[in-house]
Amino acid sequence: MTEKIISYLSNFITSKEVLVFVVSMLPVVELRGAIPIAVFQYNFPLYKAFALSVVGNVLITVPLVFMIDFAEKHFRKFAFLSKLMDKVMSKAYKRKGYVEKYEFLGLFLFVAIPLPGTGAWTGAIIAYLLSMNKWFAFFSISLGVLVAGILVSFFTSLGFLKGLLVAVSTLFVINRVASYFLDKFYKRA
């Protein structure tokens, strides 16, 4: 499916850089697909693929977080779009438990783990469903996108097994550091 989307978009977008940037904004694909495409299909250096993909994925987070309530209100006026919203919201609702329990850290880790259905789009919908502070959600999702970009870059450059080892180690360190700071923060409050 990703290949069909990229093929379709390439009919309108001639710049490979812009295409990678746009692909990183798409739901489902996001930077998890954009980085490998940029490196393997377009032979971009990893730093260029990373930068384009992370910036694109963070940029789409702005309207997702700050305008989702507006979009839902207007989408509900049309039967087709209302059904689509119900479907999307119900999928996100099923994944909200982890985020609900750990708030900022939960949303950050949810977006940071590069698995299908755990990116900025789903994170923004979950933040909306939980009525999280929009700036809080934006910051958390943006950090998650940055870490997801790093992890996907590890997988892309090192191969699956070595990338998995580095990714698990990185997530462990991030979890420890985040837990330390959250403990400090909550003890003061």
Protein backbone atom coordinates (compact mmCIF):
# COMPACT_ATOMS: atom_id res chain seq x y z
CA MET A 1 0.00 0.00 0.00
CA THR A 2 2.84 2.39 0.85
CA GLU A 3 4.35 1.82 -2.58
CA LYS A 4 1.05 2.72 -4.26
CA ILE A 5 0.77 5.91 -2.23
CA ILE A 6 4.33 6.94 -3.07
CA SER A 7 3.83 6.08 -6.73
CA TYR A 8 0.66 8.19 -6.82
CA LEU A 9 2.29 11.13 -5.01
CA SER A 10 5.35 10.99 -7.27
CA ASN A 11 3.08 11.89 -10.20
CA PHE A 12 2.54 15.30 -8.58
CA ILE A 13 5.70 15.80 -6.53
CA THR A 14 8.91 15.74 -8.54
CA SER A 15 11.35 16.55 -5.74
CA LYS A 16 12.40 13.44 -3.84
CA GLU A 17 13.07 15.54 -0.73
CA VAL A 18 9.55 16.98 -0.76
CA LEU A 19 8.11 13.52 -1.41
CA VAL A 20 9.89 12.06 1.64
CA PHE A 21 8.75 15.07 3.68
CA VAL A 22 5.11 14.56 2.60
CA VAL A 23 5.23 10.77 3.15
CA SER A 24 6.38 11.35 6.74
CA MET A 25 3.16 13.32 7.31
CA LEU A 26 0.83 10.56 6.13
CA PRO A 27 -1.12 8.47 8.63
CA VAL A 28 0.08 4.89 9.09
CA VAL A 29 3.27 5.49 7.07
CA GLU A 30 4.72 8.47 8.96
CA LEU A 31 8.48 8.50 9.49
CA ARG A 32 8.50 4.74 10.04
CA GLY A 33 8.10 4.40 6.29
CA ALA A 34 9.67 7.66 5.14
CA ILE A 35 13.18 7.02 6.52
CA PRO A 36 13.66 3.58 4.91
CA ILE A 37 12.18 4.84 1.63
CA ALA A 38 14.54 7.82 1.60
CA VAL A 39 17.58 5.68 2.36
CA PHE A 40 16.87 2.57 0.30
CA GLN A 41 14.79 3.88 -2.59
CA TYR A 42 16.26 7.37 -3.05
CA ASN A 43 19.77 6.74 -1.66
CA PHE A 44 19.62 9.69 0.75
CA PRO A 45 22.24 9.82 3.48
CA LEU A 46 20.72 8.75 6.79
CA TYR A 47 21.01 12.22 8.36
CA LYS A 48 19.03 13.76 5.47
CA ALA A 49 16.34 11.07 5.61
CA PHE A 50 16.11 11.50 9.39
CA ALA A 51 15.86 15.30 9.25
CA LEU A 52 13.22 15.43 6.50
CA SER A 53 11.13 12.71 8.11
CA VAL A 54 11.23 14.01 11.67
CA VAL A 55 10.47 17.60 10.65
CA GLY A 56 7.56 16.44 8.46
CA ASN A 57 6.16 14.17 11.15
CA VAL A 58 6.43 16.85 13.86
CA LEU A 59 4.96 19.49 11.55
CA ILE A 60 1.79 17.45 10.95
CA THR A 61 1.43 17.15 14.72
CA VAL A 62 0.54 20.85 14.97
CA PRO A 63 -2.81 20.66 13.15
CA LEU A 64 -3.48 17.20 14.57
CA VAL A 65 -3.19 18.33 18.18
CA PHE A 66 -4.50 21.87 17.94
CA MET A 67 -7.33 21.41 15.43
CA ILE A 68 -8.69 17.90 15.97
CA ASP A 69 -11.67 19.18 17.96
CA PHE A 70 -12.50 21.62 15.16
CA ALA A 71 -12.16 18.86 12.54
CA GLU A 72 -14.33 16.45 14.47
CA LYS A 73 -17.05 19.06 14.92
CA HIS A 74 -17.19 19.74 11.18
CA PHE A 75 -16.70 16.14 10.05
CA ARG A 76 -19.70 15.07 12.11
CA LYS A 77 -21.94 17.08 9.77
CA PHE A 78 -21.38 14.55 6.97
CA ALA A 79 -22.41 10.90 7.33
CA PHE A 80 -19.39 9.44 5.53
CA LEU A 81 -16.88 11.54 7.47
CA SER A 82 -18.72 10.89 10.73
CA LYS A 83 -18.44 7.13 10.19
CA LEU A 84 -14.76 7.53 9.35
CA MET A 85 -14.22 9.55 12.54
CA ASP A 86 -16.02 6.87 14.57
CA LYS A 87 -13.79 4.17 13.11
CA VAL A 88 -10.57 6.13 13.71
CA MET A 89 -11.61 7.18 17.22
CA SER A 90 -12.57 3.62 18.22
CA LYS A 91 -9.18 2.27 17.10
CA ALA A 92 -7.39 4.98 19.07
CA TYR A 93 -9.68 4.43 22.05
CA LYS A 94 -8.56 0.79 22.27
CA ARG A 95 -4.94 1.93 22.60
CA LYS A 96 -5.41 4.69 25.17
CA GLY A 97 -4.88 2.68 28.38
CA TYR A 98 -1.11 2.99 28.53
CA VAL A 99 -1.24 6.71 27.79
CA GLU A 100 -4.05 7.27 30.27
CA LYS A 101 -2.08 5.62 33.05
CA TYR A 102 1.27 7.37 32.51
CA GLU A 103 0.13 10.64 30.88
CA PHE A 104 3.13 12.52 29.40
CA LEU A 105 5.51 9.57 29.64
CA GLY A 106 2.86 7.19 28.32
CA LEU A 107 2.08 9.36 25.31
CA PHE A 108 5.78 9.90 24.64
CA LEU A 109 6.58 6.16 24.77
CA PHE A 110 3.47 5.28 22.77
CA VAL A 111 4.63 7.51 19.90
CA ALA A 112 8.33 6.67 20.32
CA ILE A 113 7.92 2.92 19.85
CA PRO A 114 8.03 2.46 16.07
CA LEU A 115 5.24 -0.04 15.59
CA PRO A 116 2.25 0.24 13.25
CA GLY A 117 -0.50 2.35 14.77
CA THR A 118 1.67 4.03 17.40
CA GLY A 119 2.69 7.25 15.68
CA ALA A 120 1.85 10.93 15.90
CA TRP A 121 -1.60 10.53 14.33
CA THR A 122 -2.84 7.96 16.83
CA GLY A 123 -1.06 9.77 19.67
CA ALA A 124 -2.87 13.02 18.82
CA ILE A 125 -6.23 11.27 18.73
CA ILE A 126 -5.56 9.58 22.06
CA ALA A 127 -4.53 12.92 23.59
CA TYR A 128 -7.80 14.37 22.30
CA LEU A 129 -9.85 11.48 23.69
CA LEU A 130 -8.18 11.96 27.08
CA SER A 131 -8.67 15.75 26.96
CA MET A 132 -4.96 16.29 27.54
CA ASN A 133 -3.53 19.79 27.54
CA LYS A 134 -2.73 20.54 23.88
CA TRP A 135 0.75 21.96 24.50
CA PHE A 136 1.52 19.06 26.81
CA ALA A 137 0.38 16.61 24.12
CA PHE A 138 2.28 18.41 21.34
CA PHE A 139 5.52 18.38 23.31
CA SER A 140 5.12 14.72 24.28
CA ILE A 141 4.27 13.63 20.73
CA SER A 142 7.14 15.67 19.26
CA LEU A 143 9.65 14.04 21.60
CA GLY A 144 8.17 10.65 20.74
CA VAL A 145 8.55 11.38 17.02
CA LEU A 146 12.19 12.35 17.57
CA VAL A 147 12.94 9.11 19.41
CA ALA A 148 10.99 7.05 16.87
CA GLY A 149 13.11 8.67 14.15
CA ILE A 150 16.27 7.68 16.00
CA LEU A 151 15.05 4.10 16.45
CA VAL A 152 13.95 3.73 12.83
CA SER A 153 17.34 5.13 11.79
CA PHE A 154 19.02 2.42 13.88
CA PHE A 155 16.96 -0.26 12.18
CA THR A 156 17.64 1.24 8.76
CA SER A 157 21.38 1.61 9.17
CA LEU A 158 22.21 -1.45 11.29
CA GLY A 159 19.75 -4.04 10.02
CA PHE A 160 16.97 -5.61 12.02
CA LEU A 161 18.81 -7.59 14.72
CA LYS A 162 21.51 -5.05 15.54
CA GLY A 163 18.98 -2.24 15.22
CA LEU A 164 16.65 -4.07 17.61
CA LEU A 165 19.43 -4.48 20.16
CA VAL A 166 20.36 -0.79 19.96
CA ALA A 167 16.68 0.25 20.00
CA VAL A 168 15.86 -1.81 23.10
CA SER A 169 18.94 -0.45 24.86
CA THR A 170 17.98 3.11 23.90
CA LEU A 171 14.39 2.66 25.08
CA PHE A 172 15.67 1.24 28.38
CA VAL A 173 17.91 4.28 28.93
CA ILE A 174 15.10 6.68 27.96
CA ASN A 175 12.72 4.89 30.32
CA ARG A 176 15.22 5.11 33.21
CA VAL A 177 15.98 8.79 32.61
CA ALA A 178 12.30 9.68 32.19
CA SER A 179 11.36 7.73 35.34
CA TYR A 180 14.07 9.53 37.31
CA PHE A 181 12.84 12.97 36.27
CA LEU A 182 9.17 12.07 36.77
CA ASP A 183 9.94 10.79 40.26
CA LYS A 184 11.71 14.09 41.04
CA PHE A 185 8.83 16.10 39.59
CA TYR A 186 6.06 14.22 41.40
CA LYS A 187 7.89 14.20 44.74
CA ARG A 188 8.04 18.02 44.67
CA ALA A 189 4.36 18.40 43.81
